[in-house]
Amino acid sequence: METTVKQLSETKVQLTIILGAQELTDAEQVALTKLSKTAKVPGFRKGKVPAGVAAKHVDPQALQEQTLDDAISKAVAEAFLKEDVQAIERPSVEVKKYVPGEQLEFTAEAEILPKI
């Protein structure tokens, strides 16, 4: 994960975050686990489907959306902690580039506490 901090004003900051293939693979596994809880597969009770089996029965579009959400949520939290930035509100996120399974680049803007 690469992070770049840009101070937009005294109370606003923008972080540009780039995730690699490993982070996206981890996020996909988390997303697959979440989606397997609601997947209906013959021979398995609802919520008891193994992630490997669920991968074949889950809608690929839903998997990509859940992967994107999980990757962004985790990366934003880690980036703000790593850069020691205290956001007042939830950051607004804008995806710049997304290549499934390879790279995700996005920006997160948030209001921060001004220096006293």
PDB file of N, CA and C in Angstrom:
ATOM      1  N   MET A   1       0.851  -1.173   0.000  1.00  0.00           N
ATOM      2  CA  MET A   1       0.000   0.000   0.000  1.00  0.00           C
ATOM      3  C   MET A   1       0.894   1.232   0.000  1.00  0.00           C
ATOM      4  N   GLU A   2       0.626   2.092  -0.970  1.00  0.00           N
ATOM      5  CA  GLU A   2       1.343   3.356  -1.063  1.00  0.00           C
ATOM      6  C   GLU A   2       0.374   4.480  -0.711  1.00  0.00           C
ATOM      7  N   THR A   3       0.840   5.424   0.110  1.00  0.00           N
ATOM      8  CA  THR A   3      -0.011   6.519   0.536  1.00  0.00           C
ATOM      9  C   THR A   3       0.700   7.842   0.316  1.00  0.00           C
ATOM     10  N   THR A   4      -0.039   8.811  -0.235  1.00  0.00           N
ATOM     11  CA  THR A   4       0.469  10.159  -0.427  1.00  0.00           C
ATOM     12  C   THR A   4      -0.505  11.124   0.223  1.00  0.00           C
ATOM     13  N   VAL A   5       0.019  12.036   1.056  1.00  0.00           N
ATOM     14  CA  VAL A   5      -0.828  12.994   1.758  1.00  0.00           C
ATOM     15  C   VAL A   5      -0.678  14.360   1.098  1.00  0.00           C
ATOM     16  N   LYS A   6      -1.820  15.003   0.856  1.00  0.00           N
ATOM     17  CA  LYS A   6      -1.823  16.342   0.272  1.00  0.00           C
ATOM     18  C   LYS A   6      -2.711  17.224   1.148  1.00  0.00           C
ATOM     19  N   GLN A   7      -2.133  18.297   1.670  1.00  0.00           N
ATOM     20  CA  GLN A   7      -2.877  19.224   2.527  1.00  0.00           C
ATOM     21  C   GLN A   7      -3.626  20.201   1.615  1.00  0.00           C
ATOM     22  N   LEU A   8      -4.961  20.097   1.562  1.00  0.00           N
ATOM     23  CA  LEU A   8      -5.762  20.965   0.703  1.00  0.00           C
ATOM     24  C   LEU A   8      -5.989  22.326   1.347  1.00  0.00           C
ATOM     25  N   SER A   9      -6.191  22.331   2.638  1.00  0.00           N
ATOM     26  CA  SER A   9      -6.326  23.565   3.398  1.00  0.00           C
ATOM     27  C   SER A   9      -5.905  23.259   4.824  1.00  0.00           C
ATOM     28  N   GLU A  10      -6.104  24.224   5.712  1.00  0.00           N
ATOM     29  CA  GLU A  10      -5.706  24.008   7.096  1.00  0.00           C
ATOM     30  C   GLU A  10      -6.553  22.929   7.772  1.00  0.00           C
ATOM     31  N   THR A  11      -7.760  22.750   7.269  1.00  0.00           N
ATOM     32  CA  THR A  11      -8.669  21.776   7.891  1.00  0.00           C
ATOM     33  C   THR A  11      -9.103  20.655   6.949  1.00  0.00           C
ATOM     34  N   LYS A  12      -8.467  20.523   5.808  1.00  0.00           N
ATOM     35  CA  LYS A  12      -8.856  19.481   4.856  1.00  0.00           C
ATOM     36  C   LYS A  12      -7.599  18.807   4.305  1.00  0.00           C
ATOM     37  N   VAL A  13      -7.676  17.484   4.225  1.00  0.00           N
ATOM     38  CA  VAL A  13      -6.545  16.706   3.732  1.00  0.00           C
ATOM     39  C   VAL A  13      -7.050  15.683   2.714  1.00  0.00           C
ATOM     40  N   GLN A  14      -6.174  15.372   1.742  1.00  0.00           N
ATOM     41  CA  GLN A  14      -6.505  14.369   0.726  1.00  0.00           C
ATOM     42  C   GLN A  14      -5.401  13.321   0.721  1.00  0.00           C
ATOM     43  N   LEU A  15      -5.791  12.071   0.864  1.00  0.00           N
ATOM     44  CA  LEU A  15      -4.851  10.958   0.801  1.00  0.00           C
ATOM     45  C   LEU A  15      -5.070  10.204  -0.501  1.00  0.00           C
ATOM     46  N   THR A  16      -3.996   9.978  -1.233  1.00  0.00           N
ATOM     47  CA  THR A  16      -4.051   9.146  -2.429  1.00  0.00           C
ATOM     48  C   THR A  16      -3.472   7.795  -2.043  1.00  0.00           C
ATOM     49  N   ILE A  17      -4.267   6.748  -2.225  1.00  0.00           N
ATOM     50  CA  ILE A  17      -3.883   5.419  -1.775  1.00  0.00           C
ATOM     51  C   ILE A  17      -3.862   4.473  -2.978  1.00  0.00           C
ATOM     52  N   ILE A  18      -2.782   3.709  -3.086  1.00  0.00           N
ATOM     53  CA  ILE A  18      -2.644   2.724  -4.159  1.00  0.00           C
ATOM     54  C   ILE A  18      -2.459   1.354  -3.511  1.00  0.00           C
ATOM     55  N   LEU A  19      -3.332   0.420  -3.854  1.00  0.00           N
ATOM     56  CA  LEU A  19      -3.257  -0.941  -3.342  1.00  0.00           C
ATOM     57  C   LEU A  19      -2.762  -1.877  -4.429  1.00  0.00           C
ATOM     58  N   GLY A  20      -1.968  -2.849  -4.037  1.00  0.00           N
ATOM     59  CA  GLY A  20      -1.434  -3.824  -4.979  1.00  0.00           C
ATOM     60  C   GLY A  20      -2.261  -5.089  -5.022  1.00  0.00           C
ATOM     61  N   ALA A  21      -1.748  -6.078  -5.709  1.00  0.00           N
ATOM     62  CA  ALA A  21      -2.463  -7.339  -5.915  1.00  0.00           C
ATOM     63  C   ALA A  21      -2.685  -8.087  -4.613  1.00  0.00           C
ATOM     64  N   GLN A  22      -1.707  -8.059  -3.705  1.00  0.00           N
ATOM     65  CA  GLN A  22      -1.836  -8.811  -2.452  1.00  0.00           C
ATOM     66  C   GLN A  22      -2.980  -8.274  -1.594  1.00  0.00           C
ATOM     67  N   GLU A  23      -3.087  -6.951  -1.477  1.00  0.00           N
ATOM     68  CA  GLU A  23      -4.168  -6.358  -0.684  1.00  0.00           C
ATOM     69  C   GLU A  23      -5.535  -6.677  -1.298  1.00  0.00           C
ATOM     70  N   LEU A  24      -5.613  -6.650  -2.626  1.00  0.00           N
ATOM     71  CA  LEU A  24      -6.875  -6.955  -3.298  1.00  0.00           C
ATOM     72  C   LEU A  24      -7.243  -8.435  -3.155  1.00  0.00           C
ATOM     73  N   THR A  25      -6.257  -9.311  -3.149  1.00  0.00           N
ATOM     74  CA  THR A  25      -6.519 -10.737  -2.947  1.00  0.00           C
ATOM     75  C   THR A  25      -7.064 -10.978  -1.541  1.00  0.00           C
ATOM     76  N   ASP A  26      -6.470 -10.313  -0.550  1.00  0.00           N
ATOM     77  CA  ASP A  26      -6.954 -10.437   0.825  1.00  0.00           C
ATOM     78  C   ASP A  26      -8.385  -9.919   0.948  1.00  0.00           C
ATOM     79  N   ALA A  27      -8.668  -8.789   0.315  1.00  0.00           N
ATOM     80  CA  ALA A  27     -10.015  -8.219   0.359  1.00  0.00           C
ATOM     81  C   ALA A  27     -11.026  -9.126  -0.338  1.00  0.00           C
ATOM     82  N   GLU A  28     -10.593  -9.791  -1.409  1.00  0.00           N
ATOM     83  CA  GLU A  28     -11.486 -10.705  -2.126  1.00  0.00           C
ATOM     84  C   GLU A  28     -11.845 -11.914  -1.259  1.00  0.00           C
ATOM     85  N   GLN A  29     -10.893 -12.405  -0.487  1.00  0.00           N
ATOM     86  CA  GLN A  29     -11.172 -13.531   0.415  1.00  0.00           C
ATOM     87  C   GLN A  29     -12.173 -13.130   1.501  1.00  0.00           C
ATOM     88  N   VAL A  30     -12.021 -11.921   2.031  1.00  0.00           N
ATOM     89  CA  VAL A  30     -12.965 -11.420   3.037  1.00  0.00           C
ATOM     90  C   VAL A  30     -14.355 -11.270   2.409  1.00  0.00           C
ATOM     91  N   ALA A  31     -14.408 -10.722   1.204  1.00  0.00           N
ATOM     92  CA  ALA A  31     -15.685 -10.541   0.510  1.00  0.00           C
ATOM     93  C   ALA A  31     -16.343 -11.885   0.214  1.00  0.00           C
ATOM     94  N   LEU A  32     -15.558 -12.859  -0.187  1.00  0.00           N
ATOM     95  CA  LEU A  32     -16.089 -14.184  -0.488  1.00  0.00           C
ATOM     96  C   LEU A  32     -16.656 -14.840   0.770  1.00  0.00           C
ATOM     97  N   THR A  33     -15.993 -14.653   1.892  1.00  0.00           N
ATOM     98  CA  THR A  33     -16.490 -15.181   3.163  1.00  0.00           C
ATOM     99  C   THR A  33     -17.820 -14.545   3.531  1.00  0.00           C
ATOM    100  N   LYS A  34     -17.928 -13.229   3.334  1.00  0.00           N
ATOM    101  CA  LYS A  34     -19.182 -12.523   3.632  1.00  0.00           C
ATOM    102  C   LYS A  34     -20.308 -12.996   2.720  1.00  0.00           C
ATOM    103  N   LEU A  35     -20.015 -13.120   1.426  1.00  0.00           N
ATOM    104  CA  LEU A  35     -21.046 -13.521   0.471  1.00  0.00           C
ATOM    105  C   LEU A  35     -21.437 -14.990   0.616  1.00  0.00           C
ATOM    106  N   SER A  36     -20.533 -15.809   1.124  1.00  0.00           N
ATOM    107  CA  SER A  36     -20.854 -17.230   1.280  1.00  0.00           C
ATOM    108  C   SER A  36     -21.898 -17.447   2.370  1.00  0.00           C
ATOM    109  N   LYS A  37     -22.047 -16.502   3.277  1.00  0.00           N
ATOM    110  CA  LYS A  37     -23.048 -16.618   4.338  1.00  0.00           C
ATOM    111  C   LYS A  37     -24.478 -16.498   3.807  1.00  0.00           C
ATOM    112  N   THR A  38     -24.638 -15.847   2.647  1.00  0.00           N
ATOM    113  CA  THR A  38     -25.975 -15.680   2.078  1.00  0.00           C
ATOM    114  C   THR A  38     -26.188 -16.510   0.807  1.00  0.00           C
ATOM    115  N   ALA A  39     -25.162 -17.209   0.362  1.00  0.00           N
ATOM    116  CA  ALA A  39     -25.267 -18.007  -0.872  1.00  0.00           C
ATOM    117  C   ALA A  39     -26.116 -19.256  -0.647  1.00  0.00           C
ATOM    118  N   LYS A  40     -26.915 -19.580  -1.652  1.00  0.00           N
ATOM    119  CA  LYS A  40     -27.728 -20.793  -1.610  1.00  0.00           C
ATOM    120  C   LYS A  40     -27.108 -21.806  -2.580  1.00  0.00           C
ATOM    121  N   VAL A  41     -26.574 -22.863  -2.019  1.00  0.00           N
ATOM    122  CA  VAL A  41     -25.923 -23.894  -2.812  1.00  0.00           C
ATOM    123  C   VAL A  41     -26.555 -25.236  -2.450  1.00  0.00           C
ATOM    124  N   PRO A  42     -26.975 -26.023  -3.452  1.00  0.00           N
ATOM    125  CA  PRO A  42     -27.563 -27.335  -3.157  1.00  0.00           C
ATOM    126  C   PRO A  42     -26.586 -28.219  -2.369  1.00  0.00           C
ATOM    127  N   GLY A  43     -27.095 -28.831  -1.309  1.00  0.00           N
ATOM    128  CA  GLY A  43     -26.270 -29.722  -0.503  1.00  0.00           C
ATOM    129  C   GLY A  43     -25.683 -29.059   0.728  1.00  0.00           C
ATOM    130  N   PHE A  44     -25.852 -27.738   0.851  1.00  0.00           N
ATOM    131  CA  PHE A  44     -25.323 -27.006   2.004  1.00  0.00           C
ATOM    132  C   PHE A  44     -26.434 -26.189   2.647  1.00  0.00           C
ATOM    133  N   ARG A  45     -26.376 -26.089   3.980  1.00  0.00           N
ATOM    134  CA  ARG A  45     -27.322 -25.221   4.669  1.00  0.00           C
ATOM    135  C   ARG A  45     -26.922 -23.775   4.431  1.00  0.00           C
ATOM    136  N   LYS A  46     -27.922 -22.890   4.489  1.00  0.00           N
ATOM    137  CA  LYS A  46     -27.661 -21.469   4.293  1.00  0.00           C
ATOM    138  C   LYS A  46     -26.700 -20.977   5.379  1.00  0.00           C
ATOM    139  N   GLY A  47     -25.660 -20.288   4.961  1.00  0.00           N
ATOM    140  CA  GLY A  47     -24.678 -19.771   5.895  1.00  0.00           C
ATOM    141  C   GLY A  47     -23.553 -20.741   6.205  1.00  0.00           C
ATOM    142  N   LYS A  48     -23.618 -21.959   5.699  1.00  0.00           N
ATOM    143  CA  LYS A  48     -22.602 -22.978   5.988  1.00  0.00           C
ATOM    144  C   LYS A  48     -21.825 -23.382   4.741  1.00  0.00           C
ATOM    145  N   VAL A  49     -21.897 -22.577   3.707  1.00  0.00           N
ATOM    146  CA  VAL A  49     -21.218 -22.896   2.450  1.00  0.00           C
ATOM    147  C   VAL A  49     -19.744 -22.504   2.570  1.00  0.00           C
ATOM    148  N   PRO A  50     -18.814 -23.416   2.284  1.00  0.00           N
ATOM    149  CA  PRO A  50     -17.394 -23.063   2.306  1.00  0.00           C
ATOM    150  C   PRO A  50     -17.086 -22.011   1.232  1.00  0.00           C
ATOM    151  N   ALA A  51     -16.114 -21.155   1.526  1.00  0.00           N
ATOM    152  CA  ALA A  51     -15.784 -20.062   0.605  1.00  0.00           C
ATOM    153  C   ALA A  51     -15.367 -20.574  -0.773  1.00  0.00           C
ATOM    154  N   GLY A  52     -14.639 -21.689  -0.824  1.00  0.00           N
ATOM    155  CA  GLY A  52     -14.214 -22.253  -2.110  1.00  0.00           C
ATOM    156  C   GLY A  52     -15.370 -22.688  -2.983  1.00  0.00           C
ATOM    157  N   VAL A  53     -16.395 -23.267  -2.359  1.00  0.00           N
ATOM    158  CA  VAL A  53     -17.583 -23.701  -3.099  1.00  0.00           C
ATOM    159  C   VAL A  53     -18.423 -22.491  -3.489  1.00  0.00           C
ATOM    160  N   ALA A  54     -18.527 -21.528  -2.579  1.00  0.00           N
ATOM    161  CA  ALA A  54     -19.334 -20.333  -2.839  1.00  0.00           C
ATOM    162  C   ALA A  54     -18.782 -19.512  -4.005  1.00  0.00           C
ATOM    163  N   ALA A  55     -17.475 -19.578  -4.218  1.00  0.00           N
ATOM    164  CA  ALA A  55     -16.862 -18.812  -5.306  1.00  0.00           C
ATOM    165  C   ALA A  55     -17.456 -19.166  -6.663  1.00  0.00           C
ATOM    166  N   LYS A  56     -17.870 -20.412  -6.821  1.00  0.00           N
ATOM    167  CA  LYS A  56     -18.444 -20.861  -8.094  1.00  0.00           C
ATOM    168  C   LYS A  56     -19.906 -20.454  -8.251  1.00  0.00           C
ATOM    169  N   HIS A  57     -20.572 -20.146  -7.129  1.00  0.00           N
ATOM    170  CA  HIS A  57     -22.003 -19.869  -7.164  1.00  0.00           C
ATOM    171  C   HIS A  57     -22.350 -18.401  -6.898  1.00  0.00           C
ATOM    172  N   VAL A  58     -21.369 -17.585  -6.572  1.00  0.00           N
ATOM    173  CA  VAL A  58     -21.617 -16.177  -6.267  1.00  0.00           C
ATOM    174  C   VAL A  58     -21.547 -15.360  -7.556  1.00  0.00           C
ATOM    175  N   ASP A  59     -22.412 -14.352  -7.655  1.00  0.00           N
ATOM    176  CA  ASP A  59     -22.418 -13.453  -8.801  1.00  0.00           C
ATOM    177  C   ASP A  59     -21.076 -12.704  -8.864  1.00  0.00           C
ATOM    178  N   PRO A  60     -20.342 -12.780  -9.977  1.00  0.00           N
ATOM    179  CA  PRO A  60     -19.034 -12.118 -10.069  1.00  0.00           C
ATOM    180  C   PRO A  60     -19.119 -10.601  -9.847  1.00  0.00           C
ATOM    181  N   GLN A  61     -20.205  -9.983 -10.305  1.00  0.00           N
ATOM    182  CA  GLN A  61     -20.368  -8.537 -10.120  1.00  0.00           C
ATOM    183  C   GLN A  61     -20.502  -8.198  -8.640  1.00  0.00           C
ATOM    184  N   ALA A  62     -21.286  -8.989  -7.919  1.00  0.00           N
ATOM    185  CA  ALA A  62     -21.456  -8.763  -6.479  1.00  0.00           C
ATOM    186  C   ALA A  62     -20.139  -8.984  -5.740  1.00  0.00           C
ATOM    187  N   LEU A  63     -19.371  -9.960  -6.175  1.00  0.00           N
ATOM    188  CA  LEU A  63     -18.070 -10.227  -5.560  1.00  0.00           C
ATOM    189  C   LEU A  63     -17.116  -9.063  -5.772  1.00  0.00           C
ATOM    190  N   GLN A  64     -17.097  -8.501  -6.991  1.00  0.00           N
ATOM    191  CA  GLN A  64     -16.225  -7.359  -7.260  1.00  0.00           C
ATOM    192  C   GLN A  64     -16.620  -6.138  -6.430  1.00  0.00           C
ATOM    193  N   GLU A  65     -17.924  -5.887  -6.312  1.00  0.00           N
ATOM    194  CA  GLU A  65     -18.392  -4.743  -5.519  1.00  0.00           C
ATOM    195  C   GLU A  65     -18.028  -4.907  -4.052  1.00  0.00           C
ATOM    196  N   GLN A  66     -18.235  -6.101  -3.515  1.00  0.00           N
ATOM    197  CA  GLN A  66     -17.917  -6.353  -2.107  1.00  0.00           C
ATOM    198  C   GLN A  66     -16.409  -6.271  -1.882  1.00  0.00           C
ATOM    199  N   THR A  67     -15.620  -6.772  -2.824  1.00  0.00           N
ATOM    200  CA  THR A  67     -14.164  -6.702  -2.727  1.00  0.00           C
ATOM    201  C   THR A  67     -13.706  -5.247  -2.707  1.00  0.00           C
ATOM    202  N   LEU A  68     -14.271  -4.444  -3.586  1.00  0.00           N
ATOM    203  CA  LEU A  68     -13.923  -3.030  -3.651  1.00  0.00           C
ATOM    204  C   LEU A  68     -14.268  -2.327  -2.340  1.00  0.00           C
ATOM    205  N   ASP A  69     -15.457  -2.583  -1.811  1.00  0.00           N
ATOM    206  CA  ASP A  69     -15.872  -1.970  -0.544  1.00  0.00           C
ATOM    207  C   ASP A  69     -14.950  -2.371   0.598  1.00  0.00           C
ATOM    208  N   ASP A  70     -14.630  -3.657   0.693  1.00  0.00           N
ATOM    209  CA  ASP A  70     -13.774  -4.138   1.773  1.00  0.00           C
ATOM    210  C   ASP A  70     -12.361  -3.572   1.665  1.00  0.00           C
ATOM    211  N   ALA A  71     -11.823  -3.541   0.454  1.00  0.00           N
ATOM    212  CA  ALA A  71     -10.467  -3.026   0.248  1.00  0.00           C
ATOM    213  C   ALA A  71     -10.381  -1.552   0.610  1.00  0.00           C
ATOM    214  N   ILE A  72     -11.374  -0.773   0.188  1.00  0.00           N
ATOM    215  CA  ILE A  72     -11.365   0.662   0.475  1.00  0.00           C
ATOM    216  C   ILE A  72     -11.519   0.910   1.971  1.00  0.00           C
ATOM    217  N   SER A  73     -12.445   0.219   2.610  1.00  0.00           N
ATOM    218  CA  SER A  73     -12.657   0.413   4.045  1.00  0.00           C
ATOM    219  C   SER A  73     -11.394   0.142   4.850  1.00  0.00           C
ATOM    220  N   LYS A  74     -10.759  -0.972   4.574  1.00  0.00           N
ATOM    221  CA  LYS A  74      -9.551  -1.336   5.317  1.00  0.00           C
ATOM    222  C   LYS A  74      -8.399  -0.382   5.019  1.00  0.00           C
ATOM    223  N   ALA A  75      -8.214  -0.037   3.751  1.00  0.00           N
ATOM    224  CA  ALA A  75      -7.091   0.818   3.350  1.00  0.00           C
ATOM    225  C   ALA A  75      -7.225   2.231   3.909  1.00  0.00           C
ATOM    226  N   VAL A  76      -8.433   2.780   3.908  1.00  0.00           N
ATOM    227  CA  VAL A  76      -8.637   4.132   4.430  1.00  0.00           C
ATOM    228  C   VAL A  76      -8.308   4.167   5.920  1.00  0.00           C
ATOM    229  N   ALA A  77      -8.805   3.200   6.658  1.00  0.00           N
ATOM    230  CA  ALA A  77      -8.539   3.159   8.097  1.00  0.00           C
ATOM    231  C   ALA A  77      -7.043   3.034   8.374  1.00  0.00           C
ATOM    232  N   GLU A  78      -6.374   2.141   7.669  1.00  0.00           N
ATOM    233  CA  GLU A  78      -4.934   1.949   7.869  1.00  0.00           C
ATOM    234  C   GLU A  78      -4.134   3.183   7.473  1.00  0.00           C
ATOM    235  N   ALA A  79      -4.516   3.829   6.362  1.00  0.00           N
ATOM    236  CA  ALA A  79      -3.776   4.989   5.880  1.00  0.00           C
ATOM    237  C   ALA A  79      -3.892   6.169   6.852  1.00  0.00           C
ATOM    238  N   PHE A  80      -5.094   6.410   7.363  1.00  0.00           N
ATOM    239  CA  PHE A  80      -5.269   7.512   8.300  1.00  0.00           C
ATOM    240  C   PHE A  80      -4.508   7.258   9.598  1.00  0.00           C
ATOM    241  N   LEU A  81      -4.457   6.012  10.052  1.00  0.00           N
ATOM    242  CA  LEU A  81      -3.685   5.685  11.251  1.00  0.00           C
ATOM    243  C   LEU A  81      -2.183   5.809  10.993  1.00  0.00           C
ATOM    244  N   LYS A  82      -1.747   5.307   9.852  1.00  0.00           N
ATOM    245  CA  LYS A  82      -0.322   5.332   9.511  1.00  0.00           C
ATOM    246  C   LYS A  82       0.198   6.757   9.363  1.00  0.00           C
ATOM    247  N   GLU A  83      -0.593   7.609   8.752  1.00  0.00           N
ATOM    248  CA  GLU A  83      -0.177   8.996   8.524  1.00  0.00           C
ATOM    249  C   GLU A  83      -0.488   9.903   9.721  1.00  0.00           C
ATOM    250  N   ASP A  84      -1.082   9.338  10.768  1.00  0.00           N
ATOM    251  CA  ASP A  84      -1.430  10.067  11.993  1.00  0.00           C
ATOM    252  C   ASP A  84      -2.320  11.273  11.697  1.00  0.00           C
ATOM    253  N   VAL A  85      -3.366  11.027  10.921  1.00  0.00           N
ATOM    254  CA  VAL A  85      -4.345  12.058  10.563  1.00  0.00           C
ATOM    255  C   VAL A  85      -5.650  11.726  11.282  1.00  0.00           C
ATOM    256  N   GLN A  86      -6.191  12.706  12.016  1.00  0.00           N
ATOM    257  CA  GLN A  86      -7.453  12.490  12.724  1.00  0.00           C
ATOM    258  C   GLN A  86      -8.571  13.161  11.945  1.00  0.00           C
ATOM    259  N   ALA A  87      -9.412  12.360  11.358  1.00  0.00           N
ATOM    260  CA  ALA A  87     -10.534  12.876  10.567  1.00  0.00           C
ATOM    261  C   ALA A  87     -11.711  13.172  11.489  1.00  0.00           C
ATOM    262  N   ILE A  88     -12.401  14.275  11.222  1.00  0.00           N
ATOM    263  CA  ILE A  88     -13.582  14.647  11.991  1.00  0.00           C
ATOM    264  C   ILE A  88     -14.799  13.882  11.488  1.00  0.00           C
ATOM    265  N   GLU A  89     -14.841  13.661  10.181  1.00  0.00           N
ATOM    266  CA  GLU A  89     -15.985  12.992   9.566  1.00  0.00           C
ATOM    267  C   GLU A  89     -15.488  11.829   8.709  1.00  0.00           C
ATOM    268  N   ARG A  90     -16.430  11.060   8.213  1.00  0.00           N
ATOM    269  CA  ARG A  90     -16.086   9.954   7.324  1.00  0.00           C
ATOM    270  C   ARG A  90     -15.521  10.526   6.020  1.00  0.00           C
ATOM    271  N   PRO A  91     -14.382  10.015   5.566  1.00  0.00           N
ATOM    272  CA  PRO A  91     -13.774  10.525   4.332  1.00  0.00           C
ATOM    273  C   PRO A  91     -14.632  10.239   3.098  1.00  0.00           C
ATOM    274  N   SER A  92     -14.610  11.173   2.155  1.00  0.00           N
ATOM    275  CA  SER A  92     -15.273  10.928   0.876  1.00  0.00           C
ATOM    276  C   SER A  92     -14.237  10.281  -0.047  1.00  0.00           C
ATOM    277  N   VAL A  93     -14.641   9.190  -0.668  1.00  0.00           N
ATOM    278  CA  VAL A  93     -13.717   8.380  -1.463  1.00  0.00           C
ATOM    279  C   VAL A  93     -14.089   8.471  -2.932  1.00  0.00           C
ATOM    280  N   GLU A  94     -13.063   8.601  -3.770  1.00  0.00           N
ATOM    281  CA  GLU A  94     -13.264   8.624  -5.219  1.00  0.00           C
ATOM    282  C   GLU A  94     -12.261   7.661  -5.853  1.00  0.00           C
ATOM    283  N   VAL A  95     -12.770   6.651  -6.545  1.00  0.00           N
ATOM    284  CA  VAL A  95     -11.910   5.658  -7.189  1.00  0.00           C
ATOM    285  C   VAL A  95     -11.372   6.250  -8.493  1.00  0.00           C
ATOM    286  N   LYS A  96     -10.051   6.215  -8.629  1.00  0.00           N
ATOM    287  CA  LYS A  96      -9.406   6.745  -9.833  1.00  0.00           C
ATOM    288  C   LYS A  96      -9.133   5.635 -10.859  1.00  0.00           C
ATOM    289  N   LYS A  97      -8.645   4.488 -10.357  1.00  0.00           N
ATOM    290  CA  LYS A  97      -8.282   3.396 -11.265  1.00  0.00           C
ATOM    291  C   LYS A  97      -8.511   2.078 -10.537  1.00  0.00           C
ATOM    292  N   TYR A  98      -9.188   1.138 -11.199  1.00  0.00           N
ATOM    293  CA  TYR A  98      -9.417  -0.169 -10.611  1.00  0.00           C
ATOM    294  C   TYR A  98      -9.245  -1.244 -11.673  1.00  0.00           C
ATOM    295  N   VAL A  99      -8.220  -2.061 -11.478  1.00  0.00           N
ATOM    296  CA  VAL A  99      -7.984  -3.227 -12.323  1.00  0.00           C
ATOM    297  C   VAL A  99      -8.194  -4.434 -11.408  1.00  0.00           C
ATOM    298  N   PRO A 100      -9.313  -5.167 -11.561  1.00  0.00           N
ATOM    299  CA  PRO A 100      -9.623  -6.260 -10.636  1.00  0.00           C
ATOM    300  C   PRO A 100      -8.467  -7.242 -10.469  1.00  0.00           C
ATOM    301  N   GLY A 101      -8.106  -7.467  -9.207  1.00  0.00           N
ATOM    302  CA  GLY A 101      -7.052  -8.414  -8.887  1.00  0.00           C
ATOM    303  C   GLY A 101      -5.636  -7.905  -9.059  1.00  0.00           C
ATOM    304  N   GLU A 102      -5.477  -6.677  -9.568  1.00  0.00           N
ATOM    305  CA  GLU A 102      -4.133  -6.161  -9.814  1.00  0.00           C
ATOM    306  C   GLU A 102      -3.842  -4.863  -9.078  1.00  0.00           C
ATOM    307  N   GLN A 103      -4.698  -3.845  -9.273  1.00  0.00           N
ATOM    308  CA  GLN A 103      -4.400  -2.536  -8.689  1.00  0.00           C
ATOM    309  C   GLN A 103      -5.671  -1.754  -8.427  1.00  0.00           C
ATOM    310  N   LEU A 104      -5.630  -0.966  -7.349  1.00  0.00           N
ATOM    311  CA  LEU A 104      -6.716  -0.061  -6.998  1.00  0.00           C
ATOM    312  C   LEU A 104      -6.091   1.237  -6.557  1.00  0.00           C
ATOM    313  N   GLU A 105      -6.502   2.324  -7.202  1.00  0.00           N
ATOM    314  CA  GLU A 105      -6.011   3.655  -6.835  1.00  0.00           C
ATOM    315  C   GLU A 105      -7.223   4.530  -6.554  1.00  0.00           C
ATOM    316  N   PHE A 106      -7.213   5.197  -5.388  1.00  0.00           N
ATOM    317  CA  PHE A 106      -8.320   6.071  -5.035  1.00  0.00           C
ATOM    318  C   PHE A 106      -7.845   7.192  -4.130  1.00  0.00           C
ATOM    319  N   THR A 107      -8.692   8.218  -4.000  1.00  0.00           N
ATOM    320  CA  THR A 107      -8.395   9.325  -3.100  1.00  0.00           C
ATOM    321  C   THR A 107      -9.448   9.368  -2.006  1.00  0.00           C
ATOM    322  N   ALA A 108      -9.034   9.806  -0.837  1.00  0.00           N
ATOM    323  CA  ALA A 108      -9.937   9.963   0.304  1.00  0.00           C
ATOM    324  C   ALA A 108      -9.733  11.357   0.874  1.00  0.00           C
ATOM    325  N   GLU A 109     -10.793  12.166   0.867  1.00  0.00           N
ATOM    326  CA  GLU A 109     -10.743  13.522   1.412  1.00  0.00           C
ATOM    327  C   GLU A 109     -11.524  13.574   2.702  1.00  0.00           C
ATOM    328  N   ALA A 110     -10.963  14.295   3.684  1.00  0.00           N
ATOM    329  CA  ALA A 110     -11.663  14.407   4.959  1.00  0.00           C
ATOM    330  C   ALA A 110     -11.301  15.715   5.639  1.00  0.00           C
ATOM    331  N   GLU A 111     -12.239  16.195   6.440  1.00  0.00           N
ATOM    332  CA  GLU A 111     -11.981  17.341   7.294  1.00  0.00           C
ATOM    333  C   GLU A 111     -11.189  16.841   8.497  1.00  0.00           C
ATOM    334  N   ILE A 112     -10.197  17.633   8.914  1.00  0.00           N
ATOM    335  CA  ILE A 112      -9.372  17.242  10.047  1.00  0.00           C
ATOM    336  C   ILE A 112      -9.375  18.355  11.096  1.00  0.00           C
ATOM    337  N   LEU A 113      -8.888  18.006  12.276  1.00  0.00           N
ATOM    338  CA  LEU A 113      -8.755  19.000  13.339  1.00  0.00           C
ATOM    339  C   LEU A 113      -7.612  19.950  12.972  1.00  0.00           C
ATOM    340  N   PRO A 114      -7.838  21.266  13.062  1.00  0.00           N
ATOM    341  CA  PRO A 114      -6.742  22.194  12.757  1.00  0.00           C
ATOM    342  C   PRO A 114      -5.704  22.186  13.864  1.00  0.00           C
ATOM    343  N   LYS A 115      -4.484  22.559  13.517  1.00  0.00           N
ATOM    344  CA  LYS A 115      -3.413  22.622  14.519  1.00  0.00           C
ATOM    345  C   LYS A 115      -3.660  23.829  15.409  1.00  0.00           C
ATOM    346  N   ILE A 116      -3.449  23.610  16.680  1.00  0.00           N
ATOM    347  CA  ILE A 116      -3.689  24.696  17.649  1.00  0.00           C
ATOM    348  C   ILE A 116      -2.367  25.264  18.098  1.00  0.00           C
TER     349      ILE A 116
END
